[in-house]
Amino acid sequence: MVGFAIGDALGMPAQFLSREQITRYYGRPLTTFARAHEGHASQFLPKGSYTDDTQMMLATAECLVEYGRMDPSRQADALLSWYLNTAPHRTPMRANELACKHLAAGKAWTKSGVFSGGCGAAVRMPPVGLLYFRSREALVRAALDDCIITHTDPRAKAAAVAVAYLVARLVQSGEHCSPGDQVLEVADCAHSIDSDMAAMLRWVTQIVHLRPEEALFEIGTSSDSLEVVPAAVYCFLKHPRQFAGAVLAAVNAGDAADSVAALTGSFVGALAGLEALPKDWRDEIEDCDILVAVAEQLAAVTESQGARAATR
């Protein structure tokens, strides 16, 4: 979760920009936290600040901690609270805004989602993967229940499941695991939901040898789930245990840099742990104490559920 927020904050000033514009506005590729340039939608944020991606991910984690499971009606309440009580919003995705407007108008969580293939649901999924890593079936159900509150397109559903399941697999991995094999397993899991997402994930495992500039140009880094999740997976596979290298590759591709870098950070963090995150970035990220505390609470809930299951 801390890795997610760091990636989000590093990508914040690069959001909406091309690779060339990043260099033009900041003088060189980004290498650490920066304040967004004048005229940017996030120019009001101090450096080290995260965007709506982390706000929604954190709201999801807090909801899971409070109720001990994915309760989609409570999750919808948490997202609605974010929408109504956060000011100003931090570059929120359109589908999330529309879904929250539907919730505010009284629609049930089963009817609030919009047909969008954006990544606004996928970025909420790392805590789902952390809680449900012991059961693939329960994880898929929880990810889909959370996803359809805002997004009903099969691409968004497959992206949500892919993110949750990859985090779940990585958090169980040992030192000698093969991240590429785990991505292929994730692709198999997502295939029945959206074959295009599965195909993209499989293809990414075959182009890791390419330079980030070339690979991310081919994959794309728009906010479409079919680009954001494969792009993040590529950056992770390129540097699976090197947090800075992985996340900065995502950041400097621009466009949906915050979302791609956030997911990249969550994947590297799930595999390599908190100590793999540079200490100066951990110290500077907004609300680090809160992020760590909620992550620890979620881990405690997960351990408690595991202990109960072992005694049955």
Protein backbone atom coordinates (compact mmCIF):
# COMPACT_ATOMS: atom_id res chain seq x y z
CA MET A 1 0.00 0.00 0.00
CA VAL A 2 2.87 2.38 0.72
CA GLY A 3 4.47 1.41 -2.59
CA PHE A 4 1.20 2.19 -4.32
CA ALA A 5 1.00 5.67 -2.78
CA ILE A 6 4.64 6.45 -3.57
CA GLY A 7 4.16 5.46 -7.20
CA ASP A 8 1.00 7.55 -7.36
CA ALA A 9 2.73 10.63 -5.92
CA LEU A 10 5.76 10.25 -8.18
CA GLY A 11 3.47 10.01 -11.19
CA MET A 12 1.18 12.87 -10.15
CA PRO A 13 3.14 15.69 -11.89
CA ALA A 14 3.56 13.57 -15.04
CA GLN A 15 -0.14 12.78 -15.40
CA PHE A 16 -1.65 13.94 -18.73
CA LEU A 17 1.79 14.70 -20.20
CA SER A 18 3.76 13.02 -22.96
CA ARG A 19 7.32 11.84 -22.41
CA GLU A 20 8.56 14.92 -24.28
CA GLN A 21 6.38 17.30 -22.25
CA ILE A 22 7.73 15.88 -19.00
CA THR A 23 11.24 16.87 -20.07
CA ARG A 24 10.04 20.25 -21.30
CA TYR A 25 8.21 21.17 -18.08
CA TYR A 26 10.64 19.70 -15.56
CA GLY A 27 13.92 20.01 -17.44
CA ARG A 28 14.65 16.28 -17.43
CA PRO A 29 12.94 12.95 -16.71
CA LEU A 30 11.48 12.82 -13.21
CA THR A 31 13.64 11.08 -10.61
CA THR A 32 11.86 11.96 -7.37
CA PHE A 33 8.80 13.73 -6.00
CA ALA A 34 8.00 17.02 -7.68
CA ARG A 35 5.29 19.63 -7.64
CA ALA A 36 3.14 19.69 -10.78
CA HIS A 37 3.90 22.47 -13.24
CA GLU A 38 1.84 25.65 -13.37
CA GLY A 39 -1.43 25.03 -15.18
CA HIS A 40 -1.49 21.32 -14.32
CA ALA A 41 -4.70 19.99 -12.75
CA SER A 42 -2.71 19.01 -9.63
CA GLN A 43 -0.66 22.18 -9.30
CA PHE A 44 -2.27 22.90 -5.91
CA LEU A 45 -0.76 19.76 -4.36
CA PRO A 46 2.60 19.82 -2.52
CA LYS A 47 5.26 17.44 -3.80
CA GLY A 48 4.87 13.96 -2.34
CA SER A 49 1.08 14.19 -2.55
CA TYR A 50 -0.95 11.35 -3.97
CA THR A 51 -4.04 11.52 -6.20
CA ASP A 52 -7.56 10.11 -6.10
CA ASP A 53 -6.09 6.67 -6.86
CA THR A 54 -4.58 6.37 -3.38
CA GLN A 55 -7.61 8.01 -1.77
CA MET A 56 -9.87 5.29 -3.17
CA MET A 57 -7.40 2.49 -2.51
CA LEU A 58 -7.11 3.64 1.10
CA ALA A 59 -10.89 3.91 1.46
CA THR A 60 -11.16 0.33 0.21
CA ALA A 61 -8.55 -0.90 2.66
CA GLU A 62 -10.22 0.87 5.58
CA CYS A 63 -13.57 -0.64 4.61
CA LEU A 64 -12.05 -4.13 4.50
CA VAL A 65 -10.47 -3.59 7.91
CA GLU A 66 -13.73 -2.37 9.45
CA TYR A 67 -15.93 -5.17 8.13
CA GLY A 68 -13.39 -7.96 7.71
CA ARG A 69 -14.59 -8.76 4.19
CA MET A 70 -15.72 -7.16 0.97
CA ASP A 71 -19.20 -5.86 1.71
CA PRO A 72 -20.09 -4.09 -1.54
CA SER A 73 -22.86 -2.00 0.01
CA ARG A 74 -20.40 -0.70 2.62
CA GLN A 75 -17.75 -0.22 -0.05
CA ALA A 76 -20.22 1.83 -2.06
CA ASP A 77 -20.82 3.96 1.04
CA ALA A 78 -17.06 4.46 1.40
CA LEU A 79 -16.71 5.58 -2.21
CA LEU A 80 -19.69 7.89 -1.88
CA SER A 81 -18.17 9.40 1.26
CA TRP A 82 -14.95 10.04 -0.69
CA TYR A 83 -16.92 11.76 -3.42
CA LEU A 84 -19.04 13.92 -1.11
CA ASN A 85 -16.47 14.81 1.54
CA THR A 86 -13.25 15.34 -0.39
CA ALA A 87 -12.52 18.86 -1.58
CA PRO A 88 -11.03 19.58 -3.94
CA HIS A 89 -11.04 16.26 -5.78
CA ARG A 90 -7.64 15.15 -7.02
CA THR A 91 -8.11 14.51 -10.75
CA PRO A 92 -10.84 11.88 -10.25
CA MET A 93 -11.70 9.53 -13.09
CA ARG A 94 -14.94 10.26 -14.90
CA ALA A 95 -16.50 6.82 -14.40
CA ASN A 96 -15.93 6.99 -10.66
CA GLU A 97 -17.54 10.43 -10.51
CA LEU A 98 -20.57 9.30 -12.50
CA ALA A 99 -21.02 6.17 -10.39
CA CYS A 100 -20.83 8.20 -7.20
CA LYS A 101 -23.43 10.60 -8.58
CA HIS A 102 -25.66 7.59 -9.17
CA LEU A 103 -25.11 6.43 -5.59
CA ALA A 104 -25.85 9.92 -4.29
CA ALA A 105 -29.12 9.87 -6.26
CA GLY A 106 -30.16 6.69 -4.47
CA LYS A 107 -29.17 3.97 -6.92
CA ALA A 108 -28.14 0.64 -5.41
CA TRP A 109 -24.52 -0.45 -5.72
CA THR A 110 -25.62 -3.11 -8.21
CA LYS A 111 -26.97 -0.37 -10.53
CA SER A 112 -24.55 2.49 -9.97
CA GLY A 113 -21.74 1.40 -12.27
CA VAL A 114 -21.16 2.76 -15.76
CA PHE A 115 -20.00 0.92 -18.88
CA SER A 116 -16.41 2.08 -18.81
CA GLY A 117 -13.17 0.25 -19.48
CA GLY A 118 -11.14 2.75 -17.46
CA CYS A 119 -8.78 1.77 -14.65
CA GLY A 120 -10.66 3.51 -11.84
CA ALA A 121 -11.76 0.21 -10.31
CA ALA A 122 -8.47 -1.64 -10.88
CA VAL A 123 -6.54 0.87 -8.78
CA ARG A 124 -8.72 0.01 -5.76
CA MET A 125 -7.76 -3.67 -5.85
CA PRO A 126 -4.41 -4.14 -4.07
CA PRO A 127 -6.07 -4.36 -0.61
CA VAL A 128 -8.51 -6.96 -1.99
CA GLY A 129 -5.57 -9.08 -3.08
CA LEU A 130 -3.95 -8.74 0.34
CA LEU A 131 -7.08 -9.83 2.19
CA TYR A 132 -8.14 -12.68 -0.09
CA PHE A 133 -4.79 -14.19 -1.07
CA ARG A 134 -5.76 -17.59 0.36
CA SER A 135 -8.80 -18.15 -1.87
CA ARG A 136 -8.88 -17.46 -5.60
CA GLU A 137 -12.65 -17.94 -5.76
CA ALA A 138 -13.33 -15.51 -2.91
CA LEU A 139 -10.84 -13.02 -4.37
CA VAL A 140 -12.50 -13.02 -7.78
CA ARG A 141 -15.94 -12.54 -6.24
CA ALA A 142 -14.74 -9.68 -4.02
CA ALA A 143 -12.91 -7.95 -6.88
CA LEU A 144 -15.94 -8.16 -9.16
CA ASP A 145 -18.33 -6.94 -6.46
CA ASP A 146 -16.10 -3.94 -5.83
CA CYS A 147 -15.55 -3.28 -9.54
CA ILE A 148 -19.18 -3.12 -10.64
CA ILE A 149 -19.97 -0.36 -8.16
CA THR A 150 -18.25 1.94 -10.65
CA HIS A 151 -17.29 -0.04 -13.79
CA THR A 152 -19.26 -2.71 -15.67
CA ASP A 153 -17.19 -3.13 -18.86
CA PRO A 154 -15.55 -6.59 -19.07
CA ARG A 155 -12.14 -4.95 -19.56
CA ALA A 156 -12.48 -3.14 -16.23
CA LYS A 157 -13.67 -6.33 -14.53
CA ALA A 158 -10.75 -8.34 -15.89
CA ALA A 159 -8.33 -5.60 -14.87
CA ALA A 160 -9.73 -5.57 -11.32
CA VAL A 161 -9.35 -9.33 -10.98
CA ALA A 162 -5.88 -9.25 -12.54
CA VAL A 163 -4.57 -6.63 -10.12
CA ALA A 164 -6.04 -8.30 -7.05
CA TYR A 165 -4.84 -11.76 -8.08
CA LEU A 166 -1.32 -10.62 -9.00
CA VAL A 167 -0.93 -8.91 -5.62
CA ALA A 168 -2.23 -12.06 -3.94
CA ARG A 169 0.26 -14.27 -5.77
CA LEU A 170 3.19 -11.93 -5.19
CA VAL A 171 2.61 -11.52 -1.48
CA GLN A 172 2.98 -15.31 -1.13
CA SER A 173 6.11 -15.52 -3.29
CA GLY A 174 9.53 -16.58 -2.19
CA GLU A 175 12.92 -15.26 -3.18
CA HIS A 176 13.26 -17.63 -6.14
CA CYS A 177 9.80 -17.19 -7.64
CA SER A 178 9.29 -16.42 -11.31
CA PRO A 179 7.25 -13.20 -11.64
CA GLY A 180 6.66 -13.93 -15.32
CA ASP A 181 5.06 -17.28 -14.53
CA GLN A 182 2.83 -15.59 -11.99
CA VAL A 183 1.69 -13.05 -14.58
CA LEU A 184 0.81 -15.93 -16.91
CA GLU A 185 -1.25 -17.47 -14.10
CA VAL A 186 -3.02 -14.14 -13.67
CA ALA A 187 -3.74 -14.04 -17.40
CA ASP A 188 -5.35 -17.47 -17.15
CA CYS A 189 -7.49 -16.23 -14.27
CA ALA A 190 -8.64 -13.16 -16.22
CA HIS A 191 -9.24 -14.95 -19.53
CA SER A 192 -12.84 -15.98 -18.88
CA ILE A 193 -13.75 -12.37 -18.05
CA ASP A 194 -11.99 -10.65 -20.96
CA SER A 195 -9.76 -12.51 -23.41
CA ASP A 196 -8.17 -9.27 -24.65
CA MET A 197 -6.85 -8.46 -21.18
CA ALA A 198 -5.48 -11.98 -20.85
CA ALA A 199 -3.81 -11.71 -24.26
CA MET A 200 -2.21 -8.37 -23.36
CA LEU A 201 -0.81 -9.77 -20.11
CA ARG A 202 0.65 -12.79 -21.91
CA TRP A 203 2.17 -10.55 -24.58
CA VAL A 204 3.80 -8.31 -21.98
CA THR A 205 5.78 -11.27 -20.62
CA GLN A 206 7.31 -11.63 -24.10
CA ILE A 207 8.50 -8.02 -24.50
CA VAL A 208 10.29 -7.45 -21.19
CA HIS A 209 13.58 -7.30 -23.12
CA LEU A 210 12.48 -4.07 -24.80
CA ARG A 211 13.50 -0.67 -23.43
CA PRO A 212 10.72 1.08 -21.48
CA GLU A 213 10.43 3.82 -24.10
CA GLU A 214 9.70 1.23 -26.78
CA ALA A 215 7.62 -1.20 -24.76
CA LEU A 216 5.37 1.40 -23.15
CA PHE A 217 4.82 3.12 -26.49
CA GLU A 218 3.57 -0.21 -27.87
CA ILE A 219 1.44 -1.05 -24.82
CA GLY A 220 0.09 2.45 -24.29
CA THR A 221 -0.30 4.33 -21.03
CA SER A 222 -3.76 5.87 -21.30
CA SER A 223 -6.27 5.39 -18.49
CA ASP A 224 -7.87 2.46 -20.34
CA SER A 225 -7.58 -0.72 -18.28
CA LEU A 226 -6.27 -2.53 -21.33
CA GLU A 227 -3.23 -0.24 -21.22
CA VAL A 228 -2.75 0.71 -17.56
CA VAL A 229 -2.61 -2.81 -16.11
CA PRO A 230 -0.35 -4.31 -18.82
CA ALA A 231 1.90 -1.23 -18.66
CA ALA A 232 2.25 -1.60 -14.89
CA VAL A 233 2.93 -5.32 -15.26
CA TYR A 234 5.65 -4.57 -17.84
CA CYS A 235 7.35 -2.05 -15.53
CA PHE A 236 7.17 -4.55 -12.67
CA LEU A 237 8.60 -7.40 -14.76
CA LYS A 238 11.38 -5.12 -16.03
CA HIS A 239 12.55 -4.43 -12.44
CA PRO A 240 10.68 -6.87 -10.15
CA ARG A 241 12.71 -6.09 -7.04
CA GLN A 242 14.08 -2.65 -7.90
CA PHE A 243 11.39 -0.23 -6.81
CA ALA A 244 12.86 2.99 -8.16
CA GLY A 245 13.69 1.55 -11.57
CA ALA A 246 10.25 0.02 -12.00
CA VAL A 247 8.22 3.00 -10.82
CA LEU A 248 10.23 5.68 -12.61
CA ALA A 249 9.88 3.76 -15.88
CA ALA A 250 6.12 4.14 -15.42
CA VAL A 251 6.29 7.77 -14.29
CA ASN A 252 8.29 9.02 -17.27
CA ALA A 253 5.98 7.41 -19.82
CA GLY A 254 3.43 10.08 -18.84
CA ASP A 255 -0.31 10.03 -19.63
CA ALA A 256 -1.91 7.97 -16.83
CA ALA A 257 1.46 8.01 -15.07
CA ASP A 258 -0.05 8.16 -11.60
CA SER A 259 -2.14 5.01 -12.07
CA VAL A 260 0.52 3.01 -13.90
CA ALA A 261 3.19 3.94 -11.36
CA ALA A 262 0.86 3.27 -8.41
CA LEU A 263 0.09 -0.25 -9.60
CA THR A 264 3.75 -0.84 -10.43
CA GLY A 265 4.66 0.21 -6.90
CA SER A 266 2.07 -2.11 -5.40
CA PHE A 267 3.41 -5.09 -7.38
CA VAL A 268 7.05 -4.47 -6.45
CA GLY A 269 6.05 -3.82 -2.84
CA ALA A 270 3.99 -7.03 -2.66
CA LEU A 271 6.96 -9.05 -3.92
CA ALA A 272 9.91 -7.32 -2.27
CA GLY A 273 8.36 -5.84 0.88
CA LEU A 274 8.41 -2.44 2.55
CA GLU A 275 12.19 -2.38 2.91
CA ALA A 276 12.57 -2.39 -0.87
CA LEU A 277 11.02 1.08 -0.95
CA PRO A 278 13.61 3.89 -0.73
CA LYS A 279 13.57 5.32 2.79
CA ASP A 280 13.58 8.94 1.69
CA TRP A 281 10.46 8.33 -0.37
CA ARG A 282 8.79 6.55 2.53
CA ASP A 283 9.59 9.54 4.73
CA GLU A 284 8.28 12.10 2.24
CA ILE A 285 5.10 10.45 1.00
CA GLU A 286 1.86 12.03 2.19
CA ASP A 287 0.25 10.24 5.16
CA CYS A 288 2.90 7.52 5.43
CA ASP A 289 1.95 6.81 9.05
CA ILE A 290 -1.69 6.31 8.08
CA LEU A 291 -0.80 4.08 5.13
CA VAL A 292 1.44 1.89 7.27
CA ALA A 293 -1.13 1.70 10.07
CA VAL A 294 -3.96 0.67 7.74
CA ALA A 295 -1.70 -1.88 6.03
CA GLU A 296 -0.83 -3.37 9.42
CA GLN A 297 -4.50 -3.48 10.40
CA LEU A 298 -5.37 -5.22 7.14
CA ALA A 299 -2.57 -7.72 7.71
CA ALA A 300 -3.96 -8.43 11.19
CA VAL A 301 -7.43 -9.07 9.74
CA THR A 302 -5.90 -11.41 7.16
CA GLU A 303 -3.94 -13.31 9.82
CA SER A 304 -7.04 -13.60 12.01
CA GLN A 305 -9.03 -15.08 9.14
CA GLY A 306 -6.22 -17.52 8.40
CA ALA A 307 -6.10 -18.62 12.03
CA ARG A 308 -9.88 -19.20 12.09
CA ALA A 309 -9.70 -21.20 8.87
CA ALA A 310 -6.91 -23.37 10.30
CA THR A 311 -9.01 -24.34 13.33
CA ARG A 312 -12.05 -25.45 11.36
